[in-house]
Amino acid sequence: MTLNLGPTELLAGVGVLVSLFMVWRAGARRAKAAAKAARSSARLLSLGGRVLVTAGLIVGVQWLVISHPSASGWLVFAVLGVPALFASYALTRALTVTTWDRGDRR
């Protein structure tokens, strides 16, 4: 059994193999991009959960101190002021626009 292929058939076969390889690579890239998007959304959800738990903890401690009848003024100031300082620091860093000036490249 002999296989007689001319140059046209051989070139067509190579073209089919190359196109199959390109389709396979594109599918792999698409799958990798989908996995990366899923990881980033899970990371965002995890961050949101941590933010909510931390906020709940801070509010709980503040409510406990403020509702206590013998809470001193300094204690109330500390319980309300310290989280406000941390929040203002985080917001200031998040909203500050910084630039990176590169030197002359010659």
C-alpha atoms as a PDB file:
ATOM      1  CA  MET A   1       0.000   0.000   0.000  1.00  0.00           C
ATOM      2  CA  THR A   2       1.701   3.136  -1.158  1.00  0.00           C
ATOM      3  CA  LEU A   3       0.722   6.657  -0.380  1.00  0.00           C
ATOM      4  CA  ASN A   4       1.140   9.007  -3.295  1.00  0.00           C
ATOM      5  CA  LEU A   5       0.773  12.622  -2.221  1.00  0.00           C
ATOM      6  CA  GLY A   6       1.515  15.517  -4.442  1.00  0.00           C
ATOM      7  CA  PRO A   7       2.857  18.847  -3.220  1.00  0.00           C
ATOM      8  CA  THR A   8      -0.631  20.366  -3.119  1.00  0.00           C
ATOM      9  CA  GLU A   9      -2.025  17.634  -0.867  1.00  0.00           C
ATOM     10  CA  LEU A  10       1.039  17.777   1.362  1.00  0.00           C
ATOM     11  CA  LEU A  11       0.738  21.568   1.688  1.00  0.00           C
ATOM     12  CA  ALA A  12      -2.993  21.259   2.433  1.00  0.00           C
ATOM     13  CA  GLY A  13      -2.283  18.661   5.137  1.00  0.00           C
ATOM     14  CA  VAL A  14       0.348  20.881   6.763  1.00  0.00           C
ATOM     15  CA  GLY A  15      -2.088  23.817   6.594  1.00  0.00           C
ATOM     16  CA  VAL A  16      -4.783  21.773   8.344  1.00  0.00           C
ATOM     17  CA  LEU A  17      -2.333  20.726  11.078  1.00  0.00           C
ATOM     18  CA  VAL A  18      -1.153  24.325  11.592  1.00  0.00           C
ATOM     19  CA  SER A  19      -4.727  25.614  11.761  1.00  0.00           C
ATOM     20  CA  LEU A  20      -5.684  22.896  14.287  1.00  0.00           C
ATOM     21  CA  PHE A  21      -2.680  23.849  16.399  1.00  0.00           C
ATOM     22  CA  MET A  22      -3.649  27.537  16.284  1.00  0.00           C
ATOM     23  CA  VAL A  23      -7.251  26.745  17.301  1.00  0.00           C
ATOM     24  CA  TRP A  24      -5.955  24.615  20.184  1.00  0.00           C
ATOM     25  CA  ARG A  25      -3.645  27.424  21.367  1.00  0.00           C
ATOM     26  CA  ALA A  26      -6.433  30.013  21.154  1.00  0.00           C
ATOM     27  CA  GLY A  27      -8.680  27.754  23.242  1.00  0.00           C
ATOM     28  CA  ALA A  28      -5.937  27.309  25.822  1.00  0.00           C
ATOM     29  CA  ARG A  29      -5.411  31.075  26.024  1.00  0.00           C
ATOM     30  CA  ARG A  30      -9.144  31.651  26.383  1.00  0.00           C
ATOM     31  CA  ALA A  31      -9.314  29.061  29.167  1.00  0.00           C
ATOM     32  CA  LYS A  32      -6.359  30.671  30.926  1.00  0.00           C
ATOM     33  CA  ALA A  33      -8.007  34.114  30.696  1.00  0.00           C
ATOM     34  CA  ALA A  34     -11.275  32.719  32.079  1.00  0.00           C
ATOM     35  CA  ALA A  35      -9.439  31.077  34.978  1.00  0.00           C
ATOM     36  CA  LYS A  36      -7.616  34.327  35.728  1.00  0.00           C
ATOM     37  CA  ALA A  37     -10.905  36.267  35.714  1.00  0.00           C
ATOM     38  CA  ALA A  38     -12.459  33.703  38.057  1.00  0.00           C
ATOM     39  CA  ARG A  39      -9.517  33.990  40.455  1.00  0.00           C
ATOM     40  CA  SER A  40      -9.684  37.789  40.478  1.00  0.00           C
ATOM     41  CA  SER A  41     -13.434  37.775  41.169  1.00  0.00           C
ATOM     42  CA  ALA A  42     -12.941  35.249  43.970  1.00  0.00           C
ATOM     43  CA  ARG A  43     -10.181  37.460  45.346  1.00  0.00           C
ATOM     44  CA  LEU A  44     -12.534  40.448  45.238  1.00  0.00           C
ATOM     45  CA  LEU A  45     -15.240  38.467  47.011  1.00  0.00           C
ATOM     46  CA  SER A  46     -12.731  37.380  49.652  1.00  0.00           C
ATOM     47  CA  LEU A  47     -11.627  40.991  50.125  1.00  0.00           C
ATOM     48  CA  GLY A  48     -15.240  42.104  50.429  1.00  0.00           C
ATOM     49  CA  GLY A  49     -15.896  39.472  53.079  1.00  0.00           C
ATOM     50  CA  ARG A  50     -12.871  40.536  55.101  1.00  0.00           C
ATOM     51  CA  VAL A  51     -13.902  44.182  54.858  1.00  0.00           C
ATOM     52  CA  LEU A  52     -17.425  43.388  56.076  1.00  0.00           C
ATOM     53  CA  VAL A  53     -16.191  41.266  58.995  1.00  0.00           C
ATOM     54  CA  THR A  54     -13.686  43.930  60.057  1.00  0.00           C
ATOM     55  CA  ALA A  55     -16.287  46.688  59.785  1.00  0.00           C
ATOM     56  CA  GLY A  56     -18.719  44.604  61.834  1.00  0.00           C
ATOM     57  CA  LEU A  57     -16.084  44.063  64.501  1.00  0.00           C
ATOM     58  CA  ILE A  58     -15.278  47.783  64.692  1.00  0.00           C
ATOM     59  CA  VAL A  59     -18.955  48.755  64.849  1.00  0.00           C
ATOM     60  CA  GLY A  60     -19.582  46.129  67.523  1.00  0.00           C
ATOM     61  CA  VAL A  61     -16.800  47.446  69.763  1.00  0.00           C
ATOM     62  CA  GLN A  62     -17.928  51.036  69.208  1.00  0.00           C
ATOM     63  CA  TRP A  63     -21.522  50.152  70.050  1.00  0.00           C
ATOM     64  CA  LEU A  64     -20.409  48.279  73.176  1.00  0.00           C
ATOM     65  CA  VAL A  65     -18.342  51.208  74.478  1.00  0.00           C
ATOM     66  CA  ILE A  66     -20.875  53.923  73.602  1.00  0.00           C
ATOM     67  CA  SER A  67     -23.836  52.029  75.059  1.00  0.00           C
ATOM     68  CA  HIS A  68     -21.993  51.343  78.320  1.00  0.00           C
ATOM     69  CA  PRO A  69     -23.245  53.911  80.843  1.00  0.00           C
ATOM     70  CA  SER A  70     -19.911  54.476  82.569  1.00  0.00           C
ATOM     71  CA  ALA A  71     -17.825  55.030  79.419  1.00  0.00           C
ATOM     72  CA  SER A  72     -15.467  57.945  79.876  1.00  0.00           C
ATOM     73  CA  GLY A  73     -15.055  60.677  77.283  1.00  0.00           C
ATOM     74  CA  TRP A  74     -11.515  59.601  76.410  1.00  0.00           C
ATOM     75  CA  LEU A  75     -12.577  56.010  75.849  1.00  0.00           C
ATOM     76  CA  VAL A  76     -15.371  57.075  73.506  1.00  0.00           C
ATOM     77  CA  PHE A  77     -12.950  59.404  71.706  1.00  0.00           C
ATOM     78  CA  ALA A  78     -10.420  56.573  71.293  1.00  0.00           C
ATOM     79  CA  VAL A  79     -13.022  54.057  70.112  1.00  0.00           C
ATOM     80  CA  LEU A  80     -14.387  56.459  67.511  1.00  0.00           C
ATOM     81  CA  GLY A  81     -11.154  58.266  66.619  1.00  0.00           C
ATOM     82  CA  VAL A  82      -8.688  55.419  66.032  1.00  0.00           C
ATOM     83  CA  PRO A  83     -10.778  53.628  63.372  1.00  0.00           C
ATOM     84  CA  ALA A  84     -11.466  56.994  61.752  1.00  0.00           C
ATOM     85  CA  LEU A  85      -7.721  57.636  61.537  1.00  0.00           C
ATOM     86  CA  PHE A  86      -7.110  54.255  59.893  1.00  0.00           C
ATOM     87  CA  ALA A  87      -9.986  54.800  57.458  1.00  0.00           C
ATOM     88  CA  SER A  88      -8.786  58.286  56.536  1.00  0.00           C
ATOM     89  CA  TYR A  89      -5.248  56.975  55.991  1.00  0.00           C
ATOM     90  CA  ALA A  90      -6.514  54.198  53.703  1.00  0.00           C
ATOM     91  CA  LEU A  91      -8.771  56.572  51.757  1.00  0.00           C
ATOM     92  CA  THR A  92      -6.017  59.160  51.392  1.00  0.00           C
ATOM     93  CA  ARG A  93      -3.621  56.543  50.017  1.00  0.00           C
ATOM     94  CA  ALA A  94      -6.279  55.147  47.683  1.00  0.00           C
ATOM     95  CA  LEU A  95      -7.295  58.548  46.324  1.00  0.00           C
ATOM     96  CA  THR A  96      -3.847  60.141  46.053  1.00  0.00           C
ATOM     97  CA  VAL A  97      -2.560  60.357  42.511  1.00  0.00           C
ATOM     98  CA  THR A  98       1.134  59.684  42.251  1.00  0.00           C
ATOM     99  CA  THR A  99       3.359  60.011  39.239  1.00  0.00           C
ATOM    100  CA  TRP A 100       6.547  58.287  38.334  1.00  0.00           C
ATOM    101  CA  ASP A 101       9.000  60.553  36.601  1.00  0.00           C
ATOM    102  CA  ARG A 102      11.681  58.724  34.733  1.00  0.00           C
ATOM    103  CA  GLY A 103      14.986  60.365  34.165  1.00  0.00           C
ATOM    104  CA  ASP A 104      16.316  61.165  30.725  1.00  0.00           C
ATOM    105  CA  ARG A 105      16.922  58.072  28.700  1.00  0.00           C
ATOM    106  CA  ARG A 106      19.358  58.720  25.939  1.00  0.00           C
END
